[in-house]
Protein backbone atom coordinates (compact mmCIF):
# COMPACT_ATOMS: atom_id res chain seq x y z
CA MET A 1 -108.35 -85.71 105.57
CA GLU A 2 -111.82 -84.68 106.62
CA PHE A 3 -114.33 -87.49 106.90
CA THR A 4 -118.02 -87.07 106.08
CA GLU A 5 -121.22 -89.07 106.07
CA GLN A 6 -120.26 -90.07 102.50
CA ASN A 7 -117.28 -91.91 103.97
CA VAL A 8 -119.59 -93.69 106.42
CA SER A 9 -121.92 -94.63 103.58
CA ALA A 10 -118.99 -95.94 101.54
CA LEU A 11 -117.77 -97.99 104.50
CA TYR A 12 -121.21 -99.52 104.79
CA ASP A 13 -120.84 -100.79 101.22
CA SER A 14 -118.07 -102.96 102.66
CA VAL A 15 -120.15 -103.91 105.71
CA ASN A 16 -123.07 -104.96 103.52
CA LEU A 17 -120.85 -106.90 101.14
CA ILE A 18 -119.17 -108.76 104.00
CA ASN A 19 -122.56 -109.64 105.50
CA GLU A 20 -123.85 -110.83 102.14
CA LEU A 21 -120.82 -113.00 101.44
CA GLN A 22 -120.66 -114.42 104.97
CA ALA A 23 -124.23 -115.67 104.50
CA ILE A 24 -123.05 -117.96 101.68
CA GLU A 25 -122.68 -121.50 102.98
CA SER A 26 -119.68 -122.40 100.82
CA PRO A 27 -118.02 -119.23 99.54
CA THR A 28 -115.57 -119.43 96.66
CA GLU A 29 -111.94 -118.47 97.11
CA GLU A 30 -112.65 -115.16 95.39
CA GLN A 31 -115.53 -114.45 97.78
CA THR A 32 -113.35 -115.31 100.78
CA GLU A 33 -110.63 -112.96 99.49
CA THR A 34 -113.24 -110.23 99.04
CA ILE A 35 -114.33 -110.67 102.65
CA GLU A 36 -110.70 -110.44 103.79
CA ARG A 37 -110.02 -107.29 101.72
CA ASN A 38 -113.12 -105.55 102.95
CA THR A 39 -112.47 -106.56 106.55
CA LYS A 40 -108.98 -105.07 106.25
CA HIS A 41 -110.58 -101.86 104.95
CA LEU A 42 -112.83 -101.78 108.02
CA GLU A 43 -109.79 -102.24 110.28
CA VAL A 44 -107.95 -99.36 108.61
CA MET A 45 -110.92 -97.01 108.84
CA MET A 46 -111.63 -97.92 112.47
CA GLY A 47 -108.07 -96.85 113.23
CA LYS A 48 -108.90 -93.28 112.18
CA GLU A 49 -110.28 -91.39 115.18
CA ASP A 50 -111.87 -88.65 113.07
CA PHE A 51 -113.79 -91.28 111.13
CA VAL A 52 -114.90 -93.24 114.19
CA ALA A 53 -116.20 -90.00 115.71
CA LEU A 54 -118.86 -89.93 112.95
CA LEU A 55 -120.20 -93.37 113.86
CA THR A 56 -122.93 -94.24 116.31
CA GLU A 57 -122.22 -96.71 119.11
CA ALA A 58 -124.36 -99.27 117.26
CA GLN A 59 -122.29 -98.81 114.08
CA ILE A 60 -119.04 -99.15 116.01
CA THR A 61 -120.27 -102.35 117.62
CA GLU A 62 -121.44 -103.80 114.31
CA ILE A 63 -118.19 -103.00 112.52
CA ASN A 64 -116.03 -104.30 115.36
CA GLN A 65 -118.00 -107.56 115.36
CA LEU A 66 -117.29 -108.01 111.66
CA ILE A 67 -113.60 -107.38 112.21
CA THR A 68 -113.34 -109.97 114.97
CA GLU A 69 -115.32 -112.72 113.20
């Protein structure tokens, strides 16, 4: 599979959603599950070298921080 900037943009939908939900003081169970699902998606995508090659160092750092939180 060939990755493009569209894939990066789509991944950032997950990044933004995780950030938004993590800002909630008392997330619901559904919100917590959404965070977990999207974090798993980040983990999968960060395991694809061709995808990671499209990211900047700042993006890699930001995504890795979300994965390890």
